[in-house]
Amino acid sequence: MIRSTISHVYQLTTEMPGLEEIGKCFCGKEALQRCSGCQSVFYCSREHQKADWKKHRSNCRAYRVERTLNVGRRLIACRDLKAGDVILQEKPLVMGPKYTAGQVCLGCYSSVDGRTKCSQCGWPTCGRVECHTNDSDHAVECGLIASGGRPIVGSLPVQAYQSVMVLRCLALKDQNPGRWEELLQLESHVHERRQRGLEDVDQATSVRLIRETLGLDVPEELILQLCGILMVNSFEQPPLKANSPQGLVAVYSTASLLEHDCVANAIKTFTNNGDIVIRAAVPISKGDKIALCYTEPLWGTVNRQRHLSQTKFFQCVCERCKDPTELDTFISGLHCQKCPQQSGILLIENPTDDASDWKCRQCGTRQPANYVAEIIESVGKEIVALKKGSLKDCEVFLRKFSKILHPNHFYLTDVKMALCQMYGHLEGQSLIEMNDDTLIAKEALALELLKVADAVSPGLTRLRAILLYELQAVLSVRCRKLCVTQSISKEELQANVKVVRKMLQESSTIFSWEPEETDEGQLAVISAKELRDVELFLKTLD
């Protein structure tokens, strides 16, 4: 049985176009043939591959690293992957606080007032003993400062936290040279950052703190390179309620190689200890690239392009970005004010050029980019001014701007998303108490948003899980009300409850991938309980 599995899945491949690297078999001989499952292990013969299978099976990867001229290194699927399959789980090279986090203890990342300081390096801490041990996160920069620099004296500017991750990177050089080399291989975009003046900020913060305040003998160019690596490759981790209220950032050796696509085929989550987990969001065929979305999928193309340019230093040319309709979602569209009843849709002519004219698909009217920019800026100010948690304000906003923006426009979608989650969840309001009109409104929003989500963020995504959870809540409440009034047959009730079960199964699975302390992690617990209740109820109907 084992032999047939090896023969079927891990056949030796002698012809690998574009991959001419020579490796070594575990026996020490040079080898050209690779494991066809992961493409990362070399064998000199079929016999040695079979002999190594028991050991290699647990480490056989679902991806291989490929280098291209346009993208550089990227990950390619080595086998067909099902939605939900784990592609990669990886520990961070470095992890630490966001530079916008304010004053935090570098051991547990809880907020501090700065009065208690580490006796070795002078950095503010919470004062707990466990945050000063050799096993704590703070031991990394503390040891570096104590061994080669001088402790901080006096107050510490908040901007100094921008240097914590740089210090932790520098510590790798002596503590883990292998990981240090992996870090330095990551893209830093030094040239682009210098052209945009970003290095001036780094010189005023990280370079000054490390070289002058701490007195560490580190070349300025190396500090600037590390600042670039951190900016381009850092992943933001979700805030955990126990600590790190602002969340942490981390850099990963392999996950940083994942290509971007505005309609990604993979998703990322994090474990409580900071590991990143990459899963297939949709089925991925062998040979396909594995891609994450490094921007917000519910933003319009101009906003996504601007964000990617500012943070990742590239222009996206994915299918969605090249399509003015954004895969028929019209998520950037405006109503043409010159068409009767604003029936025409105004869309940008060249989506990859934010200075491009906008044109009505119906009457052909053209408008300059600044015309649209002024409208978007005006609407944006109003969305910022919306009172948090106010159903009335959100409903008024939708009525007002639905005359100007396409129903799927990203600003309307943002408010609809908030409204969908507020109905039945605000203080003093429960789902079972909602009237029929509110239930219908919540259901319509969830279905409308799901259609957009399936186009721009398909598969087993966090967005889909949230919307499915809200939708099943509507159906569940409706079933209860119909049961009370005896207005539903047993067969129809059973069919509806099975739909509820299916939605709960999918949403609870997606939520279960999140750390338990996050909001989604808490929803995993709640939805799992609700799923058990639904299963028990279905048994009573049999």
Protein backbone atom coordinates (compact mmCIF):
# COMPACT_ATOMS: atom_id res chain seq x y z
CA MET A 1 0.00 0.00 0.00
CA ILE A 2 2.79 2.43 0.93
CA ARG A 3 4.65 1.55 -2.27
CA SER A 4 1.64 2.27 -4.45
CA THR A 5 1.11 5.62 -2.70
CA ILE A 6 4.71 6.62 -3.31
CA SER A 7 4.49 5.51 -6.94
CA HIS A 8 1.26 7.38 -7.55
CA VAL A 9 1.92 10.66 -5.74
CA TYR A 10 5.67 11.04 -5.59
CA GLN A 11 6.98 9.80 -8.90
CA LEU A 12 10.48 11.00 -9.72
CA THR A 13 10.45 13.69 -12.36
CA THR A 14 13.50 13.99 -14.54
CA GLU A 15 12.30 16.89 -16.70
CA MET A 16 11.60 20.08 -14.75
CA PRO A 17 11.53 23.07 -17.15
CA GLY A 18 13.28 26.08 -15.64
CA LEU A 19 14.56 24.10 -12.65
CA GLU A 20 18.11 22.93 -13.28
CA GLU A 21 19.39 23.16 -9.73
CA ILE A 22 21.64 20.35 -8.55
CA GLY A 23 20.98 19.11 -5.03
CA LYS A 24 22.20 16.36 -2.77
CA CYS A 25 20.55 13.11 -1.88
CA PHE A 26 20.53 12.15 1.81
CA CYS A 27 23.32 9.70 0.97
CA GLY A 28 25.59 12.58 -0.02
CA LYS A 29 25.55 12.05 -3.79
CA GLU A 30 24.69 14.88 -6.17
CA ALA A 31 21.16 14.55 -7.57
CA LEU A 32 18.99 16.20 -10.22
CA GLN A 33 15.76 14.37 -9.50
CA ARG A 34 13.31 15.86 -6.99
CA CYS A 35 10.34 14.67 -5.00
CA SER A 36 7.44 15.56 -7.33
CA GLY A 37 5.18 16.25 -4.36
CA CYS A 38 7.11 19.15 -2.84
CA GLN A 39 9.98 19.75 -5.28
CA SER A 40 12.26 20.56 -2.35
CA VAL A 41 14.09 17.26 -1.67
CA PHE A 42 16.58 15.65 -4.06
CA TYR A 43 17.17 11.91 -4.65
CA CYS A 44 19.84 10.12 -6.63
CA SER A 45 17.59 7.13 -7.31
CA ARG A 46 14.06 5.79 -6.98
CA GLU A 47 15.26 3.32 -4.35
CA HIS A 48 16.56 6.12 -2.13
CA GLN A 49 13.30 8.04 -2.52
CA LYS A 50 11.33 5.01 -1.33
CA ALA A 51 13.76 4.45 1.54
CA ASP A 52 13.35 8.07 2.69
CA TRP A 53 9.55 8.19 2.39
CA LYS A 54 8.68 7.34 6.01
CA LYS A 55 10.87 10.20 7.22
CA HIS A 56 10.02 12.64 4.45
CA ARG A 57 6.25 12.12 4.37
CA SER A 58 5.54 14.34 7.38
CA ASN A 59 7.65 17.16 5.91
CA CYS A 60 6.59 16.90 2.28
CA ARG A 61 5.38 20.33 1.31
CA ALA A 62 2.37 21.32 -0.77
CA TYR A 63 4.35 24.03 -2.54
CA ARG A 64 7.65 24.74 -4.20
CA VAL A 65 9.54 28.00 -4.58
CA GLU A 66 9.83 29.28 -8.14
CA ARG A 67 11.81 32.29 -9.36
CA THR A 68 10.49 34.47 -12.20
CA LEU A 69 11.84 37.62 -13.83
CA ASN A 70 8.73 39.74 -13.18
CA VAL A 71 7.77 38.62 -9.68
CA GLY A 72 10.95 37.14 -8.20
CA ARG A 73 10.44 34.22 -5.84
CA ARG A 74 6.92 32.89 -5.44
CA LEU A 75 5.10 29.74 -4.28
CA ILE A 76 3.62 27.21 -6.70
CA ALA A 77 1.25 24.37 -5.75
CA CYS A 78 2.94 20.96 -6.03
CA ARG A 79 -0.31 19.06 -6.00
CA ASP A 80 -4.04 19.69 -6.28
CA LEU A 81 -5.29 21.37 -3.12
CA LYS A 82 -8.82 21.36 -1.73
CA ALA A 83 -10.38 24.44 -0.15
CA GLY A 84 -9.32 24.49 3.49
CA ASP A 85 -6.11 22.47 2.99
CA VAL A 86 -3.17 23.76 5.02
CA ILE A 87 -0.42 24.82 2.62
CA LEU A 88 2.06 26.20 5.12
CA GLN A 89 2.47 26.76 8.85
CA GLU A 90 5.53 28.75 9.81
CA LYS A 91 7.09 30.35 12.87
CA PRO A 92 8.15 34.00 12.57
CA LEU A 93 11.73 35.08 11.95
CA VAL A 94 11.01 38.09 14.14
CA MET A 95 7.91 39.30 15.94
CA GLY A 96 7.16 42.43 17.94
CA PRO A 97 4.88 45.41 18.55
CA LYS A 98 3.51 47.69 15.87
CA TYR A 99 5.32 50.99 15.86
CA THR A 100 1.94 52.70 16.33
CA ALA A 101 1.16 50.68 19.46
CA GLY A 102 2.20 53.39 21.95
CA GLN A 103 4.08 52.48 25.12
CA VAL A 104 3.92 48.73 25.70
CA CYS A 105 5.86 46.17 27.70
CA LEU A 106 8.14 44.33 25.29
CA GLY A 107 7.69 41.10 27.22
CA CYS A 108 3.89 40.75 27.19
CA TYR A 109 2.88 43.74 25.00
CA SER A 110 0.42 45.13 27.54
CA SER A 111 0.13 48.91 27.77
CA VAL A 112 2.42 50.60 30.31
CA ASP A 113 2.81 54.12 31.67
CA GLY A 114 6.60 54.15 31.41
CA ARG A 115 7.34 54.47 35.13
CA THR A 116 8.69 50.92 35.51
CA LYS A 117 11.82 50.18 33.48
CA CYS A 118 14.07 47.23 32.78
CA SER A 119 17.18 47.45 34.97
CA GLN A 120 19.38 46.06 32.18
CA CYS A 121 18.39 48.17 29.16
CA GLY A 122 16.12 50.94 30.48
CA TRP A 123 13.15 50.04 28.27
CA PRO A 124 9.67 50.47 29.88
CA THR A 125 8.10 47.23 31.14
CA CYS A 126 5.06 46.10 33.09
CA GLY A 127 7.26 45.00 36.01
CA ARG A 128 6.19 41.36 36.05
CA VAL A 129 9.01 38.88 36.66
CA GLU A 130 8.12 36.71 33.66
CA CYS A 131 8.75 39.65 31.32
CA HIS A 132 12.41 39.77 32.44
CA THR A 133 13.37 36.11 32.06
CA ASN A 134 15.66 34.78 29.35
CA ASP A 135 12.63 33.17 27.70
CA SER A 136 10.68 36.41 27.31
CA ASP A 137 10.44 38.27 24.01
CA HIS A 138 12.12 41.27 25.63
CA ALA A 139 15.29 39.27 26.32
CA VAL A 140 16.23 39.62 22.62
CA GLU A 141 16.77 43.40 22.46
CA CYS A 142 17.70 43.58 26.13
CA GLY A 143 20.61 41.18 25.62
CA LEU A 144 21.72 43.03 22.50
CA ILE A 145 21.78 46.38 24.30
CA ALA A 146 23.41 44.98 27.44
CA SER A 147 26.21 43.25 25.50
CA GLY A 148 27.14 45.94 23.02
CA GLY A 149 25.45 49.21 23.79
CA ARG A 150 24.29 51.39 26.63
CA PRO A 151 20.94 51.44 28.46
CA ILE A 152 18.33 54.07 27.80
CA VAL A 153 18.45 56.98 30.22
CA GLY A 154 15.48 59.24 30.83
CA SER A 155 12.17 59.25 28.97
CA LEU A 156 11.74 57.26 25.80
CA PRO A 157 9.93 58.82 22.81
CA VAL A 158 7.03 56.78 21.44
CA GLN A 159 8.76 56.81 18.03
CA ALA A 160 11.46 54.61 19.56
CA TYR A 161 9.13 51.61 19.21
CA GLN A 162 9.77 51.74 15.45
CA SER A 163 13.24 50.39 16.28
CA VAL A 164 12.23 47.36 18.35
CA MET A 165 11.78 45.08 15.34
CA VAL A 166 15.07 46.30 13.85
CA LEU A 167 16.85 45.40 17.10
CA ARG A 168 15.27 41.94 17.07
CA CYS A 169 16.42 41.46 13.49
CA LEU A 170 19.98 42.45 14.45
CA ALA A 171 19.97 39.94 17.31
CA LEU A 172 19.41 37.11 14.81
CA LYS A 173 22.89 37.67 13.35
CA ASP A 174 24.61 36.07 16.35
CA GLN A 175 21.75 34.06 17.84
CA ASN A 176 20.62 32.29 14.66
CA PRO A 177 22.85 32.94 11.61
CA GLY A 178 20.73 30.71 9.39
CA ARG A 179 17.57 32.68 10.09
CA TRP A 180 19.58 35.91 9.70
CA GLU A 181 20.52 34.90 6.15
CA GLU A 182 16.89 34.03 5.37
CA LEU A 183 15.88 37.49 6.59
CA LEU A 184 18.44 39.29 4.43
CA GLN A 185 17.20 37.47 1.32
CA LEU A 186 13.80 39.18 1.62
CA GLU A 187 12.98 42.19 -0.55
CA SER A 188 13.74 45.61 0.99
CA HIS A 189 13.03 48.01 -1.93
CA VAL A 190 15.84 50.24 -0.66
CA HIS A 191 16.01 52.22 -3.91
CA GLU A 192 12.26 52.93 -4.06
CA ARG A 193 12.12 53.88 -0.39
CA ARG A 194 15.05 56.25 -0.82
CA GLN A 195 13.40 57.92 -3.82
CA ARG A 196 10.22 58.53 -1.81
CA GLY A 197 12.06 59.95 1.19
CA LEU A 198 11.06 57.12 3.52
CA GLU A 199 14.66 56.57 4.57
CA ASP A 200 14.74 60.11 6.00
CA VAL A 201 12.17 59.01 8.59
CA ASP A 202 14.18 55.88 9.39
CA GLN A 203 17.34 57.92 9.86
CA ALA A 204 15.57 60.22 12.29
CA THR A 205 14.17 57.31 14.29
CA SER A 206 15.80 53.87 14.02
CA VAL A 207 19.28 54.96 12.89
CA ARG A 208 19.47 57.68 15.52
CA LEU A 209 18.18 55.49 18.36
CA ILE A 210 20.35 52.47 17.55
CA ARG A 211 23.60 54.26 16.76
CA GLU A 212 23.42 57.33 19.02
CA THR A 213 21.07 56.62 21.93
CA LEU A 214 21.98 52.94 22.37
CA GLY A 215 25.53 53.27 21.08
CA LEU A 216 25.41 50.09 19.01
CA ASP A 217 28.03 49.78 16.27
CA VAL A 218 25.72 48.93 13.38
CA PRO A 219 26.22 50.26 9.83
CA GLU A 220 23.60 52.79 8.80
CA GLU A 221 22.96 51.01 5.48
CA LEU A 222 22.18 47.76 7.29
CA ILE A 223 19.65 49.49 9.54
CA LEU A 224 17.98 51.07 6.50
CA GLN A 225 17.91 47.70 4.72
CA LEU A 226 16.23 46.08 7.73
CA CYS A 227 13.69 48.92 7.91
CA GLY A 228 12.82 48.19 4.27
CA ILE A 229 12.54 44.44 4.84
CA LEU A 230 10.22 45.03 7.78
CA MET A 231 8.04 47.50 5.92
CA VAL A 232 7.61 45.32 2.83
CA ASN A 233 7.33 41.87 4.43
CA SER A 234 5.63 42.33 7.81
CA PHE A 235 2.29 40.67 8.48
CA GLU A 236 -0.08 42.21 11.00
CA GLN A 237 -1.40 39.77 13.57
CA PRO A 238 -4.87 40.26 15.09
CA PRO A 239 -5.17 41.84 18.55
CA LEU A 240 -5.60 39.36 21.39
CA LYS A 241 -7.69 40.36 24.39
CA ALA A 242 -5.26 38.99 26.98
CA ASN A 243 -2.44 41.25 25.74
CA SER A 244 -1.18 43.10 22.66
CA PRO A 245 -4.41 45.14 22.36
CA GLN A 246 -3.11 46.72 19.14
CA GLY A 247 -1.85 43.44 17.71
CA LEU A 248 1.69 42.48 16.71
CA VAL A 249 3.67 42.37 13.49
CA ALA A 250 5.87 39.52 12.29
CA VAL A 251 8.10 38.57 9.37
CA TYR A 252 8.13 35.03 7.96
CA SER A 253 10.76 33.50 5.69
CA THR A 254 8.50 31.51 3.33
CA ALA A 255 5.11 33.23 3.74
CA SER A 256 6.75 36.49 2.63
CA LEU A 257 7.25 34.90 -0.81
CA LEU A 258 3.51 34.53 -1.44
CA GLU A 259 2.47 36.47 -4.51
CA HIS A 260 -0.31 39.06 -4.42
CA ASP A 261 -3.60 38.85 -6.28
CA CYS A 262 -6.64 41.05 -5.64
CA VAL A 263 -8.73 37.88 -5.94
CA ALA A 264 -6.61 35.56 -3.83
CA ASN A 265 -6.79 31.77 -3.81
CA ALA A 266 -5.31 31.47 -0.30
CA ILE A 267 -5.99 32.93 3.14
CA LYS A 268 -3.85 33.55 6.21
CA THR A 269 -4.58 33.08 9.90
CA PHE A 270 -2.38 33.09 12.99
CA THR A 271 -1.98 30.87 16.03
CA ASN A 272 -1.77 32.13 19.61
CA ASN A 273 2.02 31.79 19.58
CA GLY A 274 2.46 33.79 16.39
CA ASP A 275 2.71 31.07 13.72
CA ILE A 276 1.21 31.99 10.36
CA VAL A 277 -1.04 29.41 8.73
CA ILE A 278 -1.73 29.57 4.99
CA ARG A 279 -4.75 27.65 3.68
CA ALA A 280 -6.32 27.21 0.28
CA ALA A 281 -9.41 29.42 0.13
CA VAL A 282 -10.59 27.73 -3.06
CA PRO A 283 -9.43 24.58 -4.89
CA ILE A 284 -5.93 25.17 -6.28
CA SER A 285 -4.65 23.07 -9.14
CA LYS A 286 -1.14 21.66 -9.28
CA GLY A 287 1.14 24.19 -10.97
CA ASP A 288 -0.99 27.23 -10.04
CA LYS A 289 0.54 30.14 -8.15
CA ILE A 290 -0.48 30.51 -4.50
CA ALA A 291 -1.55 34.08 -3.78
CA LEU A 292 -2.75 36.22 -0.90
CA CYS A 293 -4.45 39.59 -1.14
CA TYR A 294 -2.16 42.19 0.46
CA THR A 295 -4.78 44.91 0.43
CA GLU A 296 -8.48 45.20 1.28
CA PRO A 297 -10.56 43.21 -1.24
CA LEU A 298 -13.64 45.39 -0.66
CA TRP A 299 -11.79 48.55 -1.75
CA GLY A 300 -12.03 49.91 -5.28
CA THR A 301 -9.19 49.51 -7.75
CA VAL A 302 -7.78 53.03 -7.38
CA ASN A 303 -7.57 52.64 -3.59
CA ARG A 304 -6.06 49.16 -3.80
CA GLN A 305 -3.49 50.26 -6.35
CA ARG A 306 -2.51 53.26 -4.24
CA HIS A 307 -2.16 51.14 -1.10
CA LEU A 308 -0.03 48.50 -2.85
CA SER A 309 2.20 51.17 -4.38
CA GLN A 310 2.75 52.86 -1.02
CA THR A 311 3.39 49.71 1.03
CA LYS A 312 4.64 47.05 -1.42
CA PHE A 313 6.09 49.22 -4.21
CA PHE A 314 4.43 47.52 -7.18
CA GLN A 315 1.47 47.98 -9.48
CA CYS A 316 -0.99 45.10 -9.55
CA VAL A 317 -2.04 43.90 -13.01
CA CYS A 318 -4.35 41.06 -11.95
CA GLU A 319 -7.54 40.35 -13.90
CA ARG A 320 -9.65 42.35 -11.48
CA CYS A 321 -7.39 45.41 -11.64
CA LYS A 322 -7.49 45.41 -15.46
CA ASP A 323 -11.29 45.16 -15.55
CA PRO A 324 -13.20 48.47 -15.20
CA THR A 325 -16.24 46.53 -13.89
CA GLU A 326 -14.09 44.69 -11.29
CA LEU A 327 -15.51 41.29 -12.26
CA ASP A 328 -19.02 42.72 -12.78
CA THR A 329 -19.26 43.96 -9.19
CA PHE A 330 -19.00 47.66 -10.15
CA ILE A 331 -17.46 48.21 -6.75
CA SER A 332 -16.00 51.57 -7.85
CA GLY A 333 -18.96 52.63 -9.99
CA LEU A 334 -20.95 55.85 -9.75
CA HIS A 335 -24.37 56.65 -11.17
CA CYS A 336 -24.18 58.88 -14.24
CA GLN A 337 -26.00 62.08 -13.34
CA LYS A 338 -26.68 62.84 -17.03
CA CYS A 339 -28.64 59.63 -17.68
CA PRO A 340 -32.40 59.50 -16.94
CA GLN A 341 -32.95 58.27 -13.37
CA GLN A 342 -29.13 57.94 -13.12
CA SER A 343 -29.44 54.61 -14.95
CA GLY A 344 -25.95 54.72 -16.46
CA ILE A 345 -22.82 53.57 -14.62
CA LEU A 346 -19.70 55.72 -14.60
CA LEU A 347 -16.50 53.64 -14.64
CA ILE A 348 -12.83 54.44 -15.02
CA GLU A 349 -11.54 53.79 -18.56
CA ASN A 350 -8.04 52.64 -17.58
CA PRO A 351 -8.18 51.15 -14.06
CA THR A 352 -4.39 51.01 -13.66
CA ASP A 353 -4.08 54.78 -14.21
CA ASP A 354 -5.71 56.83 -11.45
CA ALA A 355 -5.58 59.92 -13.71
CA SER A 356 -7.69 58.21 -16.37
CA ASP A 357 -11.06 59.62 -17.42
CA TRP A 358 -14.30 57.98 -16.31
CA LYS A 359 -16.94 57.07 -18.88
CA CYS A 360 -20.64 56.23 -18.66
CA ARG A 361 -21.37 52.77 -20.07
CA GLN A 362 -24.80 53.93 -21.29
CA CYS A 363 -24.58 57.47 -22.68
CA GLY A 364 -20.81 57.72 -23.19
CA THR A 365 -20.40 60.86 -21.07
CA ARG A 366 -16.84 61.37 -19.89
CA GLN A 367 -15.75 62.88 -16.59
CA PRO A 368 -12.19 63.74 -15.50
CA ALA A 369 -10.55 61.85 -12.64
CA ASN A 370 -10.74 64.88 -10.32
CA TYR A 371 -14.56 64.96 -10.73
CA VAL A 372 -14.80 61.46 -9.26
CA ALA A 373 -12.07 62.14 -6.67
CA GLU A 374 -14.02 65.12 -5.29
CA ILE A 375 -17.19 63.03 -4.95
CA ILE A 376 -15.32 60.19 -3.23
CA GLU A 377 -13.57 62.62 -0.88
CA SER A 378 -16.89 64.24 0.06
CA VAL A 379 -18.59 60.89 0.71
CA GLY A 380 -15.53 59.69 2.62
CA LYS A 381 -15.78 62.60 5.05
CA GLU A 382 -19.38 61.72 5.79
CA ILE A 383 -18.60 58.05 6.38
CA VAL A 384 -15.88 59.04 8.86
CA ALA A 385 -18.37 61.27 10.67
CA LEU A 386 -20.96 58.48 11.08
CA LYS A 387 -21.83 57.83 14.70
CA LYS A 388 -20.48 54.44 15.71
CA GLY A 389 -23.21 51.88 16.38
CA SER A 390 -26.03 54.07 15.05
CA LEU A 391 -28.52 52.14 12.92
CA LYS A 392 -30.35 55.34 11.99
CA ASP A 393 -27.23 57.15 10.77
CA CYS A 394 -26.20 54.16 8.63
CA GLU A 395 -29.66 53.86 7.10
CA VAL A 396 -29.74 57.60 6.32
CA PHE A 397 -26.28 57.36 4.75
CA LEU A 398 -27.41 54.54 2.46
CA ARG A 399 -30.54 56.39 1.34
CA LYS A 400 -28.59 59.58 0.66
CA PHE A 401 -25.68 58.17 -1.32
CA SER A 402 -27.48 55.36 -3.13
CA LYS A 403 -28.50 58.09 -5.58
CA ILE A 404 -24.85 58.81 -6.35
CA LEU A 405 -22.96 55.53 -5.89
CA HIS A 406 -23.54 52.12 -7.45
CA PRO A 407 -25.23 49.76 -4.94
CA ASN A 408 -21.98 47.75 -4.67
CA HIS A 409 -19.73 50.79 -4.32
CA PHE A 410 -17.09 50.19 -1.67
CA TYR A 411 -18.38 53.00 0.58
CA LEU A 412 -21.95 51.66 0.50
CA THR A 413 -20.65 48.11 0.94
CA ASP A 414 -18.71 49.21 4.03
CA VAL A 415 -21.82 50.69 5.64
CA LYS A 416 -23.99 47.75 4.57
CA MET A 417 -21.53 45.38 6.19
CA ALA A 418 -21.72 47.31 9.47
CA LEU A 419 -25.51 47.52 9.29
CA CYS A 420 -25.89 43.80 8.59
CA GLN A 421 -23.89 42.98 11.72
CA MET A 422 -25.67 45.58 13.88
CA TYR A 423 -29.21 44.38 13.23
CA GLY A 424 -30.14 42.16 16.19
CA HIS A 425 -26.81 42.55 18.01
CA LEU A 426 -26.91 46.02 19.57
CA GLU A 427 -27.42 46.47 23.29
CA GLY A 428 -31.07 46.14 24.25
CA GLN A 429 -31.90 44.41 20.98
CA SER A 430 -32.08 40.69 20.21
CA LEU A 431 -32.52 38.80 16.98
CA ILE A 432 -35.72 37.10 18.13
CA GLU A 433 -37.27 40.52 18.86
CA MET A 434 -36.63 41.91 15.37
CA ASN A 435 -39.75 42.61 13.34
CA ASP A 436 -40.28 41.08 9.91
CA ASP A 437 -39.19 44.21 8.05
CA THR A 438 -35.84 44.28 9.87
CA LEU A 439 -35.31 40.56 9.29
CA ILE A 440 -35.98 41.04 5.58
CA ALA A 441 -33.58 44.01 5.48
CA LYS A 442 -30.83 42.04 7.26
CA GLU A 443 -31.34 39.06 4.96
CA ALA A 444 -31.23 41.24 1.83
CA LEU A 445 -27.99 42.88 2.97
CA ALA A 446 -26.33 39.54 3.73
CA LEU A 447 -27.31 38.05 0.35
CA GLU A 448 -26.22 41.18 -1.52
CA LEU A 449 -22.86 41.27 0.27
CA LEU A 450 -22.31 37.53 -0.23
CA LYS A 451 -22.63 37.99 -3.98
CA VAL A 452 -19.90 40.67 -3.92
CA ALA A 453 -17.73 38.62 -1.55
CA ASP A 454 -17.95 35.53 -3.76
CA ALA A 455 -16.59 37.60 -6.67
CA VAL A 456 -13.74 39.52 -5.00
CA SER A 457 -12.94 37.37 -1.95
CA PRO A 458 -14.05 33.85 -2.94
CA GLY A 459 -13.92 30.65 -0.95
CA LEU A 460 -13.42 29.96 2.73
CA THR A 461 -12.70 33.52 3.80
CA ARG A 462 -13.37 35.37 7.02
CA LEU A 463 -15.72 37.70 5.13
CA ARG A 464 -17.84 34.80 3.88
CA ALA A 465 -17.96 33.25 7.36
CA ILE A 466 -19.30 36.47 8.91
CA LEU A 467 -21.98 36.88 6.25
CA LEU A 468 -23.06 33.23 6.42
CA TYR A 469 -23.33 33.51 10.19
CA GLU A 470 -25.57 36.58 9.93
CA LEU A 471 -27.68 34.94 7.22
CA GLN A 472 -28.27 31.73 9.16
CA ALA A 473 -29.32 33.85 12.16
CA VAL A 474 -32.11 35.39 10.08
CA LEU A 475 -33.29 32.00 8.82
CA SER A 476 -33.12 30.51 12.32
CA VAL A 477 -35.22 33.31 13.85
CA ARG A 478 -37.74 33.07 11.03
CA CYS A 479 -38.12 29.33 11.60
CA ARG A 480 -38.71 29.89 15.31
CA LYS A 481 -41.40 32.47 14.66
CA LEU A 482 -43.16 30.25 12.14
CA CYS A 483 -43.02 27.36 14.60
CA VAL A 484 -44.67 29.47 17.30
CA THR A 485 -47.51 30.40 14.96
CA GLN A 486 -47.62 26.88 13.49
CA SER A 487 -47.28 28.43 10.01
CA ILE A 488 -44.75 25.97 8.63
CA SER A 489 -44.97 22.28 7.81
CA LYS A 490 -42.61 19.75 9.36
CA GLU A 491 -41.00 19.05 5.99
CA GLU A 492 -40.42 22.72 5.21
CA LEU A 493 -39.07 23.34 8.71
CA GLN A 494 -36.68 20.41 8.39
CA ALA A 495 -35.42 21.68 5.02
CA ASN A 496 -34.82 25.20 6.40
CA VAL A 497 -33.05 23.96 9.51
CA LYS A 498 -30.75 21.86 7.32
CA VAL A 499 -29.80 25.03 5.46
CA VAL A 500 -29.06 26.68 8.81
CA ARG A 501 -26.91 23.69 9.73
CA LYS A 502 -24.95 23.90 6.50
CA MET A 503 -24.26 27.61 6.99
CA LEU A 504 -23.18 27.05 10.59
CA GLN A 505 -20.90 24.20 9.59
CA GLU A 506 -19.05 26.35 7.07
CA SER A 507 -18.86 29.51 9.16
CA SER A 508 -17.82 27.72 12.37
CA THR A 509 -15.09 25.87 10.47
CA ILE A 510 -13.64 29.13 9.14
CA PHE A 511 -13.92 30.83 12.55
CA SER A 512 -12.18 27.87 14.21
CA TRP A 513 -8.99 28.71 12.32
CA GLU A 514 -8.67 31.99 14.23
CA PRO A 515 -7.07 32.38 17.70
CA GLU A 516 -9.71 31.81 20.37
CA GLU A 517 -9.09 35.22 21.95
CA THR A 518 -10.06 37.10 18.78
CA ASP A 519 -13.64 38.11 17.99
CA GLU A 520 -13.77 35.47 15.26
CA GLY A 521 -12.34 32.89 17.66
CA GLN A 522 -15.16 33.66 20.09
CA LEU A 523 -17.65 33.28 17.25
CA ALA A 524 -16.16 29.84 16.62
CA VAL A 525 -17.14 28.80 20.14
CA ILE A 526 -20.61 30.32 19.87
CA SER A 527 -21.35 28.93 16.39
CA ALA A 528 -20.11 25.46 17.39
CA LYS A 529 -22.59 25.46 20.31
CA GLU A 530 -25.37 26.65 18.03
CA LEU A 531 -24.50 23.90 15.57
CA ARG A 532 -24.84 21.27 18.29
CA ASP A 533 -28.23 22.71 19.23
CA VAL A 534 -29.34 22.56 15.59
CA GLU A 535 -28.21 18.93 15.31
CA LEU A 536 -30.25 18.02 18.40
CA PHE A 537 -33.29 19.86 17.07
CA LEU A 538 -33.07 18.04 13.73
CA LYS A 539 -33.12 14.71 15.59
CA THR A 540 -36.44 15.66 17.16
CA LEU A 541 -37.88 16.19 13.67
CA ASP A 542 -36.87 12.73 12.39
